[in-house]
Amino acid sequence: MLNAYFDAVVPLIEAEGGVIDKYMGDGIMVLFGAPATLPDHALHAARAAVAMVKAVHERREMWRKLDVRGAWGGEWVADRRGRSHGQGGGGAIGSKRRLDYNGDRRHGERGGADRE
């Protein structure tokens, strides 16, 4: 079910210039304005969030069909968004043995689907 969710929302994020930083369980850390500058990054993040909510709700019947064991009780598509923006930075962080790109949280969009 999560892969179907990600298949539905990732193209919407990317269409608004978002860059997937990482998947975190049922959430996605998305960067708008990092690593490359994106003018009006907050507007792009908001547009992506609206498109994601619409896409999730349009697929409610599909979610019910995918939930063959009834684990989600037919209410899998509770959705949440979080946005913050401002000046920040990002770059490679870690040790000599393992580096990871870290976009500053102030440029991020965190979204996911969960049960309430």
C-alpha atoms as a PDB file:
ATOM      1  CA  MET A   1       0.000   0.000   0.000  1.00  0.00           C
ATOM      2  CA  LEU A   2       2.806   2.417   0.777  1.00  0.00           C
ATOM      3  CA  ASN A   3       4.402   1.830  -2.612  1.00  0.00           C
ATOM      4  CA  ALA A   4       1.065   2.659  -4.273  1.00  0.00           C
ATOM      5  CA  TYR A   5       0.877   5.830  -2.157  1.00  0.00           C
ATOM      6  CA  PHE A   6       4.409   6.839  -3.118  1.00  0.00           C
ATOM      7  CA  ASP A   7       3.674   6.049  -6.789  1.00  0.00           C
ATOM      8  CA  ALA A   8       0.715   8.424  -6.600  1.00  0.00           C
ATOM      9  CA  VAL A   9       2.379  11.365  -4.858  1.00  0.00           C
ATOM     10  CA  VAL A  10       6.048  11.402  -5.890  1.00  0.00           C
ATOM     11  CA  PRO A  11       5.340  12.586  -9.473  1.00  0.00           C
ATOM     12  CA  LEU A  12       3.249  15.434  -8.018  1.00  0.00           C
ATOM     13  CA  ILE A  13       6.113  16.470  -5.753  1.00  0.00           C
ATOM     14  CA  GLU A  14       8.620  16.334  -8.588  1.00  0.00           C
ATOM     15  CA  ALA A  15       6.302  18.298 -10.903  1.00  0.00           C
ATOM     16  CA  GLU A  16       6.565  21.188  -8.434  1.00  0.00           C
ATOM     17  CA  GLY A  17      10.355  21.019  -8.268  1.00  0.00           C
ATOM     18  CA  GLY A  18      10.563  18.991  -5.074  1.00  0.00           C
ATOM     19  CA  VAL A  19      13.527  16.691  -4.529  1.00  0.00           C
ATOM     20  CA  ILE A  20      12.972  13.496  -2.532  1.00  0.00           C
ATOM     21  CA  ASP A  21      15.490  13.444   0.301  1.00  0.00           C
ATOM     22  CA  LYS A  22      14.337  10.215   1.935  1.00  0.00           C
ATOM     23  CA  TYR A  23      11.430   7.945   2.732  1.00  0.00           C
ATOM     24  CA  MET A  24      10.742   7.682   6.458  1.00  0.00           C
ATOM     25  CA  GLY A  25       8.305   4.860   7.046  1.00  0.00           C
ATOM     26  CA  ASP A  26       5.055   6.223   5.640  1.00  0.00           C
ATOM     27  CA  GLY A  27       6.507   9.728   5.289  1.00  0.00           C
ATOM     28  CA  ILE A  28       8.588  11.491   2.692  1.00  0.00           C
ATOM     29  CA  MET A  29      11.175  14.187   3.347  1.00  0.00           C
ATOM     30  CA  VAL A  30      11.065  16.513   0.360  1.00  0.00           C
ATOM     31  CA  LEU A  31      13.273  19.518  -0.293  1.00  0.00           C
ATOM     32  CA  PHE A  32      12.056  22.580  -2.153  1.00  0.00           C
ATOM     33  CA  GLY A  33      14.864  25.030  -2.819  1.00  0.00           C
ATOM     34  CA  ALA A  34      17.728  22.690  -1.983  1.00  0.00           C
ATOM     35  CA  PRO A  35      20.123  21.502  -3.244  1.00  0.00           C
ATOM     36  CA  ALA A  36      19.339  23.977  -6.064  1.00  0.00           C
ATOM     37  CA  THR A  37      17.628  27.312  -5.528  1.00  0.00           C
ATOM     38  CA  LEU A  38      13.937  27.290  -6.365  1.00  0.00           C
ATOM     39  CA  PRO A  39      12.266  30.708  -6.500  1.00  0.00           C
ATOM     40  CA  ASP A  40       8.990  30.717  -4.565  1.00  0.00           C
ATOM     41  CA  HIS A  41       9.874  27.371  -2.980  1.00  0.00           C
ATOM     42  CA  ALA A  42       7.127  27.748  -0.349  1.00  0.00           C
ATOM     43  CA  LEU A  43       4.512  28.224  -3.077  1.00  0.00           C
ATOM     44  CA  HIS A  44       5.765  25.103  -4.885  1.00  0.00           C
ATOM     45  CA  ALA A  45       5.619  23.124  -1.624  1.00  0.00           C
ATOM     46  CA  ALA A  46       2.048  24.290  -0.996  1.00  0.00           C
ATOM     47  CA  ARG A  47       0.974  23.378  -4.534  1.00  0.00           C
ATOM     48  CA  ALA A  48       2.517  19.928  -4.165  1.00  0.00           C
ATOM     49  CA  ALA A  49       0.735  19.437  -0.825  1.00  0.00           C
ATOM     50  CA  VAL A  50      -2.655  20.373  -2.304  1.00  0.00           C
ATOM     51  CA  ALA A  51      -2.094  18.066  -5.278  1.00  0.00           C
ATOM     52  CA  MET A  52      -1.094  15.230  -2.938  1.00  0.00           C
ATOM     53  CA  VAL A  53      -4.212  15.575  -0.798  1.00  0.00           C
ATOM     54  CA  LYS A  54      -6.415  15.574  -3.902  1.00  0.00           C
ATOM     55  CA  ALA A  55      -4.653  12.523  -5.338  1.00  0.00           C
ATOM     56  CA  VAL A  56      -4.970  10.586  -2.082  1.00  0.00           C
ATOM     57  CA  HIS A  57      -8.676  11.313  -1.755  1.00  0.00           C
ATOM     58  CA  GLU A  58      -9.342  10.499  -5.416  1.00  0.00           C
ATOM     59  CA  ARG A  59      -7.838   7.046  -4.820  1.00  0.00           C
ATOM     60  CA  ARG A  60      -9.805   6.131  -1.688  1.00  0.00           C
ATOM     61  CA  GLU A  61     -11.479   3.172  -3.402  1.00  0.00           C
ATOM     62  CA  MET A  62      -8.103   1.848  -4.567  1.00  0.00           C
ATOM     63  CA  TRP A  63      -6.765   2.021  -0.984  1.00  0.00           C
ATOM     64  CA  ARG A  64      -9.741  -0.003   0.244  1.00  0.00           C
ATOM     65  CA  LYS A  65      -9.137  -2.668  -2.415  1.00  0.00           C
ATOM     66  CA  LEU A  66      -5.440  -2.889  -1.565  1.00  0.00           C
ATOM     67  CA  ASP A  67      -6.261  -3.389   2.116  1.00  0.00           C
ATOM     68  CA  VAL A  68      -7.249  -7.037   1.609  1.00  0.00           C
ATOM     69  CA  ARG A  69      -6.656  -7.969   5.262  1.00  0.00           C
ATOM     70  CA  GLY A  70      -8.661  -5.044   6.619  1.00  0.00           C
ATOM     71  CA  ALA A  71      -5.659  -3.854   8.596  1.00  0.00           C
ATOM     72  CA  TRP A  72      -6.514  -0.208   8.032  1.00  0.00           C
ATOM     73  CA  GLY A  73     -10.236  -0.482   8.588  1.00  0.00           C
ATOM     74  CA  GLY A  74     -10.957   1.289   5.309  1.00  0.00           C
ATOM     75  CA  GLU A  75      -9.558   4.546   6.656  1.00  0.00           C
ATOM     76  CA  TRP A  76      -5.961   4.309   5.514  1.00  0.00           C
ATOM     77  CA  VAL A  77      -5.900   7.702   3.901  1.00  0.00           C
ATOM     78  CA  ALA A  78      -5.546  10.079   6.801  1.00  0.00           C
ATOM     79  CA  ASP A  79      -3.045  12.574   5.462  1.00  0.00           C
ATOM     80  CA  ARG A  80      -0.745  15.103   7.062  1.00  0.00           C
ATOM     81  CA  ARG A  81       1.553  17.832   5.799  1.00  0.00           C
ATOM     82  CA  GLY A  82       4.193  19.941   7.457  1.00  0.00           C
ATOM     83  CA  ARG A  83       6.049  22.824   5.934  1.00  0.00           C
ATOM     84  CA  SER A  84       8.663  25.230   7.118  1.00  0.00           C
ATOM     85  CA  HIS A  85      10.819  27.597   5.174  1.00  0.00           C
ATOM     86  CA  GLY A  86      13.467  30.244   5.536  1.00  0.00           C
ATOM     87  CA  GLN A  87      17.168  30.668   5.092  1.00  0.00           C
ATOM     88  CA  GLY A  88      19.117  27.509   5.555  1.00  0.00           C
ATOM     89  CA  GLY A  89      21.774  25.369   4.073  1.00  0.00           C
ATOM     90  CA  GLY A  90      22.541  21.838   3.253  1.00  0.00           C
ATOM     91  CA  GLY A  91      25.329  19.593   2.183  1.00  0.00           C
ATOM     92  CA  ALA A  92      27.190  16.392   2.846  1.00  0.00           C
ATOM     93  CA  ILE A  93      27.337  15.490   6.522  1.00  0.00           C
ATOM     94  CA  GLY A  94      28.632  12.464   8.341  1.00  0.00           C
ATOM     95  CA  SER A  95      31.912  10.675   8.817  1.00  0.00           C
ATOM     96  CA  LYS A  96      34.713   9.659   6.486  1.00  0.00           C
ATOM     97  CA  ARG A  97      33.078   6.218   6.272  1.00  0.00           C
ATOM     98  CA  ARG A  98      29.538   7.372   5.474  1.00  0.00           C
ATOM     99  CA  LEU A  99      28.219  10.646   4.141  1.00  0.00           C
ATOM    100  CA  ASP A 100      24.635  11.649   3.610  1.00  0.00           C
ATOM    101  CA  TYR A 101      23.159  14.726   1.982  1.00  0.00           C
ATOM    102  CA  ASN A 102      21.321  16.789   4.555  1.00  0.00           C
ATOM    103  CA  GLY A 103      19.028  19.512   3.286  1.00  0.00           C
ATOM    104  CA  ASP A 104      18.352  21.954   6.075  1.00  0.00           C
ATOM    105  CA  ARG A 105      14.933  21.250   7.616  1.00  0.00           C
ATOM    106  CA  ARG A 106      13.835  24.798   6.938  1.00  0.00           C
ATOM    107  CA  HIS A 107      13.593  23.896   3.261  1.00  0.00           C
ATOM    108  CA  GLY A 108      11.707  20.652   3.774  1.00  0.00           C
ATOM    109  CA  GLU A 109       8.218  19.324   3.236  1.00  0.00           C
ATOM    110  CA  ARG A 110       7.346  16.298   5.328  1.00  0.00           C
ATOM    111  CA  GLY A 111       4.299  14.380   4.364  1.00  0.00           C
ATOM    112  CA  GLY A 112       2.919  10.967   4.947  1.00  0.00           C
ATOM    113  CA  ALA A 113      -0.196   8.957   5.319  1.00  0.00           C
ATOM    114  CA  ASP A 114      -1.181   7.364   8.566  1.00  0.00           C
ATOM    115  CA  ARG A 115      -4.100   6.052  10.536  1.00  0.00           C
ATOM    116  CA  GLU A 116      -5.651   8.341  13.069  1.00  0.00           C
END
